[in-house]
């Protein structure tokens, strides 16, 4: 009996390895396309990610750093470059005038939307899945990430 349960564990391990490798391939392809799409707009991948984040809402530097899991000093440099191009502006936080928020400008919002539209890698393979399959995939990914 012990041997049988051990045998049934082996395929699960192989399956887990295969799933991890497939996720790695998806992530690598996504990053490659994201960097390429960013470059088409003369942006680095990091600049494009900050722009996408700020398109949702203005944020203080430390929150951007937390979201992107990088040092606040790196974020300052990225925001400086985006600001120099007129894609982002700094403004005082209405709740605390001592805190500066980075906010996307209209041009920044347009650039971010164009960049998002040019990301075909994720969209095209997902389009091959039915709406129900996409829903299942979303729910499984959320469960993996501990989100509800």
N, C-alpha and C. Protein backbone atom coordinates (compact mmCIF):
# COMPACT_ATOMS: atom_id res chain seq x y z
N UNK A 1 0.83 -1.19 0.00
CA UNK A 1 0.00 0.00 0.00
C UNK A 1 0.88 1.25 0.00
N UNK A 2 1.95 1.21 0.82
CA UNK A 2 2.84 2.37 0.89
C UNK A 2 3.44 2.64 -0.48
N UNK A 3 3.85 1.56 -1.15
CA UNK A 3 4.45 1.72 -2.48
C UNK A 3 3.47 2.39 -3.43
N UNK A 4 2.20 2.01 -3.39
CA UNK A 4 1.20 2.57 -4.28
C UNK A 4 1.05 4.08 -4.05
N UNK A 5 0.96 4.50 -2.78
CA UNK A 5 0.78 5.93 -2.50
C UNK A 5 2.03 6.71 -2.92
N UNK A 6 3.22 6.07 -2.80
CA UNK A 6 4.45 6.74 -3.24
C UNK A 6 4.43 6.92 -4.75
N UNK A 7 3.98 5.87 -5.47
CA UNK A 7 3.91 5.94 -6.94
C UNK A 7 2.96 7.05 -7.38
N UNK A 8 1.83 7.22 -6.68
CA UNK A 8 0.87 8.24 -7.10
C UNK A 8 1.40 9.65 -6.80
N UNK A 9 2.37 9.77 -5.87
CA UNK A 9 2.93 11.08 -5.56
C UNK A 9 3.90 11.54 -6.64
N UNK A 10 4.59 10.59 -7.29
CA UNK A 10 5.59 10.94 -8.30
C UNK A 10 5.00 11.73 -9.48
N UNK A 11 3.89 11.27 -10.09
CA UNK A 11 3.34 12.05 -11.20
C UNK A 11 2.93 13.46 -10.77
N UNK A 12 2.42 13.62 -9.55
CA UNK A 12 2.04 14.95 -9.08
C UNK A 12 3.28 15.85 -9.03
N UNK A 13 4.42 15.29 -8.59
CA UNK A 13 5.65 16.07 -8.56
C UNK A 13 6.06 16.47 -9.98
N UNK A 14 5.96 15.54 -10.90
CA UNK A 14 6.31 15.83 -12.29
C UNK A 14 5.35 16.88 -12.86
N UNK A 15 4.08 16.77 -12.50
CA UNK A 15 3.08 17.73 -12.95
C UNK A 15 3.39 19.12 -12.38
N UNK A 16 3.74 19.16 -11.10
CA UNK A 16 4.09 20.44 -10.47
C UNK A 16 5.28 21.07 -11.17
N UNK A 17 6.30 20.28 -11.46
CA UNK A 17 7.49 20.77 -12.16
C UNK A 17 7.08 21.33 -13.53
N UNK A 18 6.23 20.60 -14.24
CA UNK A 18 5.80 21.05 -15.57
C UNK A 18 5.03 22.36 -15.48
N UNK A 19 4.12 22.47 -14.50
CA UNK A 19 3.33 23.70 -14.33
C UNK A 19 4.26 24.87 -14.01
N UNK A 20 5.22 24.66 -13.11
CA UNK A 20 6.17 25.72 -12.75
C UNK A 20 6.96 26.17 -13.99
N UNK A 21 7.40 25.21 -14.80
CA UNK A 21 8.15 25.55 -16.02
C UNK A 21 7.28 26.33 -17.00
N UNK A 22 6.00 25.94 -17.14
CA UNK A 22 5.09 26.65 -18.04
C UNK A 22 4.83 28.08 -17.54
N UNK A 23 4.65 28.24 -16.24
CA UNK A 23 4.46 29.58 -15.68
C UNK A 23 5.71 30.42 -15.95
N UNK A 24 6.87 29.84 -15.77
CA UNK A 24 8.13 30.54 -16.05
C UNK A 24 8.22 30.98 -17.50
N UNK A 25 7.80 30.13 -18.42
CA UNK A 25 7.81 30.47 -19.84
C UNK A 25 6.86 31.62 -20.14
N UNK A 26 5.66 31.57 -19.56
CA UNK A 26 4.68 32.64 -19.75
C UNK A 26 5.24 33.96 -19.23
N UNK A 27 5.82 33.94 -18.03
CA UNK A 27 6.37 35.16 -17.43
C UNK A 27 7.51 35.71 -18.28
N UNK A 28 8.41 34.85 -18.74
CA UNK A 28 9.54 35.29 -19.56
C UNK A 28 9.05 35.93 -20.86
N UNK A 29 8.07 35.30 -21.51
CA UNK A 29 7.54 35.85 -22.76
C UNK A 29 6.84 37.18 -22.52
N UNK A 30 6.10 37.26 -21.42
CA UNK A 30 5.40 38.50 -21.09
C UNK A 30 6.41 39.63 -20.88
N UNK A 31 7.47 39.37 -20.11
CA UNK A 31 8.48 40.39 -19.85
C UNK A 31 9.17 40.83 -21.15
N UNK A 32 9.47 39.86 -21.99
CA UNK A 32 10.12 40.15 -23.27
C UNK A 32 9.24 41.08 -24.11
N UNK A 33 7.95 40.74 -24.22
CA UNK A 33 7.05 41.58 -25.01
C UNK A 33 6.82 42.94 -24.35
N UNK A 34 6.74 42.94 -23.01
CA UNK A 34 6.52 44.20 -22.29
C UNK A 34 7.69 45.15 -22.54
N UNK A 35 8.92 44.62 -22.46
CA UNK A 35 10.12 45.45 -22.71
C UNK A 35 10.11 45.97 -24.15
N UNK A 36 9.71 45.11 -25.09
CA UNK A 36 9.66 45.50 -26.49
C UNK A 36 8.61 46.59 -26.70
N UNK A 37 7.42 46.41 -26.13
CA UNK A 37 6.34 47.40 -26.26
C UNK A 37 6.77 48.73 -25.62
N UNK A 38 7.44 48.66 -24.47
CA UNK A 38 7.92 49.88 -23.80
C UNK A 38 8.92 50.60 -24.70
N UNK A 39 9.84 49.83 -25.30
CA UNK A 39 10.86 50.42 -26.16
C UNK A 39 10.24 51.13 -27.37
N UNK A 40 9.12 50.62 -27.86
CA UNK A 40 8.42 51.27 -28.99
C UNK A 40 7.96 52.67 -28.61
N UNK A 41 7.78 52.90 -27.30
CA UNK A 41 7.37 54.22 -26.79
C UNK A 41 8.55 54.94 -26.14
N UNK A 42 9.77 54.47 -26.45
CA UNK A 42 11.01 55.04 -25.89
C UNK A 42 11.00 55.04 -24.37
N UNK A 43 10.50 53.97 -23.80
CA UNK A 43 10.47 53.79 -22.34
C UNK A 43 11.21 52.52 -21.97
N UNK A 44 11.74 52.49 -20.76
CA UNK A 44 12.25 51.22 -20.22
C UNK A 44 11.06 50.46 -19.65
N UNK A 45 11.25 49.18 -19.40
CA UNK A 45 10.18 48.39 -18.78
C UNK A 45 9.76 48.98 -17.44
N UNK A 46 10.74 49.42 -16.64
CA UNK A 46 10.45 49.99 -15.32
C UNK A 46 9.64 51.28 -15.46
N UNK A 47 10.01 52.12 -16.42
CA UNK A 47 9.26 53.37 -16.63
C UNK A 47 7.82 53.04 -17.05
N UNK A 48 7.66 52.06 -17.91
CA UNK A 48 6.32 51.67 -18.38
C UNK A 48 5.48 51.14 -17.21
N UNK A 49 6.12 50.37 -16.31
CA UNK A 49 5.38 49.83 -15.16
C UNK A 49 4.94 50.95 -14.22
N UNK A 50 5.81 51.94 -13.98
CA UNK A 50 5.45 53.08 -13.13
C UNK A 50 4.30 53.85 -13.77
N UNK A 51 4.39 54.06 -15.07
CA UNK A 51 3.35 54.79 -15.79
C UNK A 51 2.01 54.05 -15.69
N UNK A 52 2.03 52.73 -15.85
CA UNK A 52 0.80 51.93 -15.74
C UNK A 52 0.21 52.04 -14.35
N UNK A 53 1.07 51.99 -13.34
CA UNK A 53 0.63 52.10 -11.95
C UNK A 53 -0.02 53.45 -11.69
N UNK A 54 0.62 54.51 -12.17
CA UNK A 54 0.11 55.86 -11.94
C UNK A 54 -1.12 56.17 -12.78
N UNK A 55 -1.35 55.39 -13.83
CA UNK A 55 -2.56 55.58 -14.64
C UNK A 55 -3.80 55.20 -13.83
N UNK A 56 -3.61 54.36 -12.82
CA UNK A 56 -4.74 53.97 -11.97
C UNK A 56 -5.02 55.04 -10.92
N UNK A 57 -3.95 55.58 -10.31
CA UNK A 57 -4.12 56.60 -9.27
C UNK A 57 -2.78 57.25 -8.95
N UNK A 58 -2.80 58.54 -8.53
CA UNK A 58 -1.55 59.17 -8.08
C UNK A 58 -1.05 58.47 -6.81
N UNK A 59 0.27 58.33 -6.69
CA UNK A 59 0.84 57.62 -5.54
C UNK A 59 2.10 58.33 -5.05
N UNK A 60 2.37 58.24 -3.72
CA UNK A 60 3.66 58.72 -3.22
C UNK A 60 4.77 57.74 -3.63
N UNK A 61 6.00 58.24 -3.67
CA UNK A 61 7.14 57.43 -4.11
C UNK A 61 7.25 56.10 -3.35
N UNK A 62 7.09 56.16 -2.04
CA UNK A 62 7.29 54.93 -1.26
C UNK A 62 6.26 53.86 -1.62
N UNK A 63 5.02 54.28 -1.97
CA UNK A 63 4.00 53.31 -2.37
C UNK A 63 4.34 52.70 -3.74
N UNK A 64 4.88 53.51 -4.63
CA UNK A 64 5.30 52.99 -5.94
C UNK A 64 6.40 51.95 -5.71
N UNK A 65 7.35 52.29 -4.85
CA UNK A 65 8.47 51.36 -4.55
C UNK A 65 7.94 50.06 -3.96
N UNK A 66 6.97 50.16 -3.05
CA UNK A 66 6.38 48.95 -2.44
C UNK A 66 5.70 48.09 -3.51
N UNK A 67 4.92 48.75 -4.37
CA UNK A 67 4.19 48.01 -5.41
C UNK A 67 5.15 47.30 -6.37
N UNK A 68 6.24 47.98 -6.73
CA UNK A 68 7.18 47.41 -7.70
C UNK A 68 8.31 46.63 -7.03
N UNK A 69 8.28 46.60 -5.68
CA UNK A 69 9.30 45.87 -4.91
C UNK A 69 10.70 46.33 -5.30
N UNK A 70 10.93 47.66 -5.23
CA UNK A 70 12.25 48.20 -5.50
C UNK A 70 12.54 49.35 -4.53
N UNK A 71 13.74 49.88 -4.60
CA UNK A 71 14.16 50.94 -3.69
C UNK A 71 13.50 52.27 -4.06
N UNK A 72 13.08 53.07 -3.05
CA UNK A 72 12.49 54.39 -3.35
C UNK A 72 13.43 55.28 -4.18
N UNK A 73 14.75 55.14 -3.97
CA UNK A 73 15.69 55.97 -4.75
C UNK A 73 15.61 55.64 -6.25
N UNK A 74 15.37 54.36 -6.57
CA UNK A 74 15.19 53.96 -7.98
C UNK A 74 13.93 54.61 -8.56
N UNK A 75 12.87 54.62 -7.74
CA UNK A 75 11.59 55.18 -8.19
C UNK A 75 11.75 56.67 -8.47
N UNK A 76 12.50 57.37 -7.62
CA UNK A 76 12.70 58.81 -7.81
C UNK A 76 13.33 59.08 -9.17
N UNK A 77 14.34 58.31 -9.54
CA UNK A 77 15.00 58.47 -10.84
C UNK A 77 14.05 58.19 -12.00
N UNK A 78 13.24 57.15 -11.86
CA UNK A 78 12.28 56.78 -12.91
C UNK A 78 11.25 57.91 -13.07
N UNK A 79 10.72 58.40 -11.94
CA UNK A 79 9.72 59.47 -11.99
C UNK A 79 10.34 60.75 -12.57
N UNK A 80 11.61 61.03 -12.20
CA UNK A 80 12.30 62.21 -12.77
C UNK A 80 12.31 62.14 -14.29
N UNK A 81 12.65 60.95 -14.83
CA UNK A 81 12.73 60.80 -16.29
C UNK A 81 11.35 60.91 -16.95
N UNK A 82 10.34 60.33 -16.30
CA UNK A 82 8.97 60.43 -16.83
C UNK A 82 8.47 61.87 -16.77
N UNK A 83 8.85 62.57 -15.70
CA UNK A 83 8.43 63.96 -15.54
C UNK A 83 9.10 64.84 -16.61
N UNK A 84 10.37 64.58 -16.89
CA UNK A 84 11.10 65.35 -17.91
C UNK A 84 10.45 65.20 -19.29
N UNK A 85 9.81 64.07 -19.52
CA UNK A 85 9.12 63.82 -20.80
C UNK A 85 7.67 64.29 -20.79
N UNK A 86 7.22 64.83 -19.67
CA UNK A 86 5.85 65.34 -19.58
C UNK A 86 4.80 64.26 -19.42
N UNK A 87 5.23 63.05 -18.98
CA UNK A 87 4.29 61.94 -18.82
C UNK A 87 3.75 61.85 -17.39
N UNK A 88 4.51 62.44 -16.46
CA UNK A 88 4.16 62.38 -15.04
C UNK A 88 4.43 63.76 -14.45
N UNK A 89 3.67 64.10 -13.41
CA UNK A 89 3.94 65.34 -12.67
C UNK A 89 3.89 65.04 -11.18
N UNK A 90 4.61 65.85 -10.41
CA UNK A 90 4.55 65.74 -8.96
C UNK A 90 3.59 66.80 -8.46
N UNK A 91 2.77 66.41 -7.48
CA UNK A 91 1.84 67.37 -6.88
C UNK A 91 1.70 67.07 -5.39
N UNK A 92 1.34 68.07 -4.60
CA UNK A 92 1.18 67.81 -3.17
C UNK A 92 -0.02 66.89 -2.92
N UNK A 93 0.11 66.04 -1.90
CA UNK A 93 -0.99 65.18 -1.47
C UNK A 93 -2.03 66.06 -0.78
N UNK A 94 -3.28 66.04 -1.26
CA UNK A 94 -4.30 66.89 -0.61
C UNK A 94 -4.50 66.56 0.87
N UNK A 95 -4.22 65.32 1.28
CA UNK A 95 -4.39 64.91 2.68
C UNK A 95 -3.19 65.28 3.54
N UNK A 96 -2.01 65.45 2.93
CA UNK A 96 -0.80 65.79 3.67
C UNK A 96 0.12 66.57 2.74
N UNK A 97 0.11 67.89 2.86
CA UNK A 97 0.83 68.76 1.92
C UNK A 97 2.33 68.51 1.92
N UNK A 98 2.86 67.85 2.96
CA UNK A 98 4.30 67.57 3.01
C UNK A 98 4.68 66.42 2.07
N UNK A 99 3.69 65.60 1.71
CA UNK A 99 3.94 64.43 0.86
C UNK A 99 3.67 64.80 -0.60
N UNK A 100 4.60 64.43 -1.47
CA UNK A 100 4.42 64.65 -2.91
C UNK A 100 3.88 63.36 -3.54
N UNK A 101 2.89 63.54 -4.40
CA UNK A 101 2.35 62.41 -5.17
C UNK A 101 2.88 62.50 -6.59
N UNK A 102 3.15 61.35 -7.18
CA UNK A 102 3.44 61.28 -8.61
C UNK A 102 2.11 60.99 -9.28
N UNK A 103 1.78 61.78 -10.28
CA UNK A 103 0.50 61.63 -10.99
C UNK A 103 0.76 61.64 -12.48
N UNK A 104 0.00 60.82 -13.20
CA UNK A 104 0.14 60.75 -14.64
C UNK A 104 -0.50 62.01 -15.27
N UNK A 105 0.12 62.52 -16.32
CA UNK A 105 -0.47 63.63 -17.08
C UNK A 105 -1.39 63.03 -18.15
N UNK A 106 -2.10 63.87 -18.87
CA UNK A 106 -2.97 63.37 -19.94
C UNK A 106 -2.13 62.63 -20.99
N UNK A 107 -0.97 63.19 -21.32
CA UNK A 107 -0.08 62.55 -22.30
C UNK A 107 0.42 61.20 -21.76
N UNK A 108 0.70 61.16 -20.46
CA UNK A 108 1.14 59.92 -19.83
C UNK A 108 0.06 58.86 -19.85
N UNK A 109 -1.18 59.28 -19.62
CA UNK A 109 -2.31 58.34 -19.64
C UNK A 109 -2.49 57.77 -21.05
N UNK A 110 -2.38 58.64 -22.06
CA UNK A 110 -2.50 58.21 -23.46
C UNK A 110 -1.39 57.24 -23.82
N UNK A 111 -0.16 57.57 -23.42
CA UNK A 111 1.00 56.70 -23.72
C UNK A 111 0.82 55.34 -23.07
N UNK A 112 0.38 55.34 -21.81
CA UNK A 112 0.18 54.08 -21.09
C UNK A 112 -0.91 53.23 -21.77
N UNK A 113 -1.98 53.87 -22.21
CA UNK A 113 -3.07 53.15 -22.88
C UNK A 113 -2.58 52.56 -24.20
N UNK A 114 -1.79 53.33 -24.96
CA UNK A 114 -1.25 52.83 -26.25
C UNK A 114 -0.34 51.64 -26.01
N UNK A 115 0.48 51.75 -24.97
CA UNK A 115 1.41 50.67 -24.64
C UNK A 115 0.61 49.40 -24.29
N UNK A 116 -0.42 49.57 -23.47
CA UNK A 116 -1.25 48.43 -23.07
C UNK A 116 -1.89 47.78 -24.30
N UNK A 117 -2.35 48.61 -25.24
CA UNK A 117 -2.97 48.09 -26.47
C UNK A 117 -1.97 47.31 -27.33
N UNK A 118 -0.68 47.66 -27.23
CA UNK A 118 0.31 47.00 -28.08
C UNK A 118 0.83 45.70 -27.48
N UNK A 119 0.35 45.31 -26.31
CA UNK A 119 0.76 44.05 -25.69
C UNK A 119 -0.11 42.91 -26.23
N UNK A 120 0.38 42.27 -27.28
CA UNK A 120 -0.41 41.20 -27.91
C UNK A 120 -0.16 39.84 -27.27
N UNK A 121 1.04 39.64 -26.72
CA UNK A 121 1.40 38.30 -26.26
C UNK A 121 0.34 37.72 -25.33
N UNK A 122 -0.02 38.48 -24.31
CA UNK A 122 -0.97 37.94 -23.33
C UNK A 122 -2.37 37.82 -23.93
N UNK A 123 -2.74 38.79 -24.75
CA UNK A 123 -4.11 38.81 -25.26
C UNK A 123 -4.39 37.71 -26.27
N UNK A 124 -3.48 37.48 -27.20
CA UNK A 124 -3.75 36.52 -28.27
C UNK A 124 -3.92 35.08 -27.77
N UNK A 125 -2.99 34.57 -26.94
CA UNK A 125 -3.21 33.20 -26.44
C UNK A 125 -4.47 33.11 -25.57
N UNK A 126 -4.76 34.17 -24.81
CA UNK A 126 -5.96 34.14 -23.96
C UNK A 126 -7.23 34.12 -24.81
N UNK A 127 -7.18 34.77 -25.97
CA UNK A 127 -8.35 34.80 -26.85
C UNK A 127 -8.67 33.40 -27.36
N UNK A 128 -7.65 32.51 -27.39
CA UNK A 128 -7.87 31.13 -27.84
C UNK A 128 -8.65 30.32 -26.79
N UNK A 129 -8.72 30.84 -25.56
CA UNK A 129 -9.47 30.17 -24.50
C UNK A 129 -10.90 30.70 -24.47
N UNK A 130 -11.83 29.84 -24.10
CA UNK A 130 -13.22 30.31 -23.96
C UNK A 130 -13.30 31.27 -22.77
N UNK A 131 -14.37 32.04 -22.71
CA UNK A 131 -14.58 32.95 -21.58
C UNK A 131 -14.59 32.16 -20.27
N UNK A 132 -15.19 30.98 -20.30
CA UNK A 132 -15.25 30.14 -19.09
C UNK A 132 -13.84 29.71 -18.67
N UNK A 133 -13.02 29.30 -19.65
CA UNK A 133 -11.64 28.90 -19.35
C UNK A 133 -10.84 30.07 -18.79
N UNK A 134 -11.02 31.27 -19.38
CA UNK A 134 -10.32 32.46 -18.87
C UNK A 134 -10.74 32.74 -17.44
N UNK A 135 -12.01 32.55 -17.14
CA UNK A 135 -12.50 32.75 -15.77
C UNK A 135 -11.87 31.76 -14.80
N UNK A 136 -11.77 30.51 -15.22
CA UNK A 136 -11.14 29.47 -14.39
C UNK A 136 -9.67 29.81 -14.16
N UNK A 137 -8.97 30.20 -15.24
CA UNK A 137 -7.56 30.56 -15.13
C UNK A 137 -7.38 31.73 -14.16
N UNK A 138 -8.20 32.77 -14.32
CA UNK A 138 -8.14 33.93 -13.41
C UNK A 138 -8.33 33.48 -11.97
N UNK A 139 -9.34 32.66 -11.72
CA UNK A 139 -9.63 32.23 -10.36
C UNK A 139 -8.50 31.39 -9.78
N UNK A 140 -7.91 30.52 -10.60
CA UNK A 140 -6.79 29.69 -10.14
C UNK A 140 -5.57 30.57 -9.82
N UNK A 141 -5.28 31.56 -10.68
CA UNK A 141 -4.15 32.46 -10.44
C UNK A 141 -4.37 33.26 -9.16
N UNK A 142 -5.60 33.73 -8.95
CA UNK A 142 -5.91 34.47 -7.73
C UNK A 142 -5.71 33.60 -6.49
N UNK A 143 -6.14 32.33 -6.58
CA UNK A 143 -5.96 31.41 -5.45
C UNK A 143 -4.49 31.18 -5.18
N UNK A 144 -3.68 31.04 -6.27
CA UNK A 144 -2.24 30.85 -6.11
C UNK A 144 -1.62 32.05 -5.40
N UNK A 145 -2.13 33.24 -5.69
CA UNK A 145 -1.56 34.47 -5.12
C UNK A 145 -2.19 34.82 -3.77
N UNK A 146 -3.12 33.97 -3.33
CA UNK A 146 -3.74 34.20 -2.02
C UNK A 146 -4.76 35.32 -2.02
N UNK A 147 -5.21 35.70 -3.22
CA UNK A 147 -6.25 36.75 -3.31
C UNK A 147 -7.61 36.06 -3.43
N UNK A 148 -8.65 36.77 -3.04
CA UNK A 148 -9.97 36.15 -3.14
C UNK A 148 -10.69 36.62 -4.38
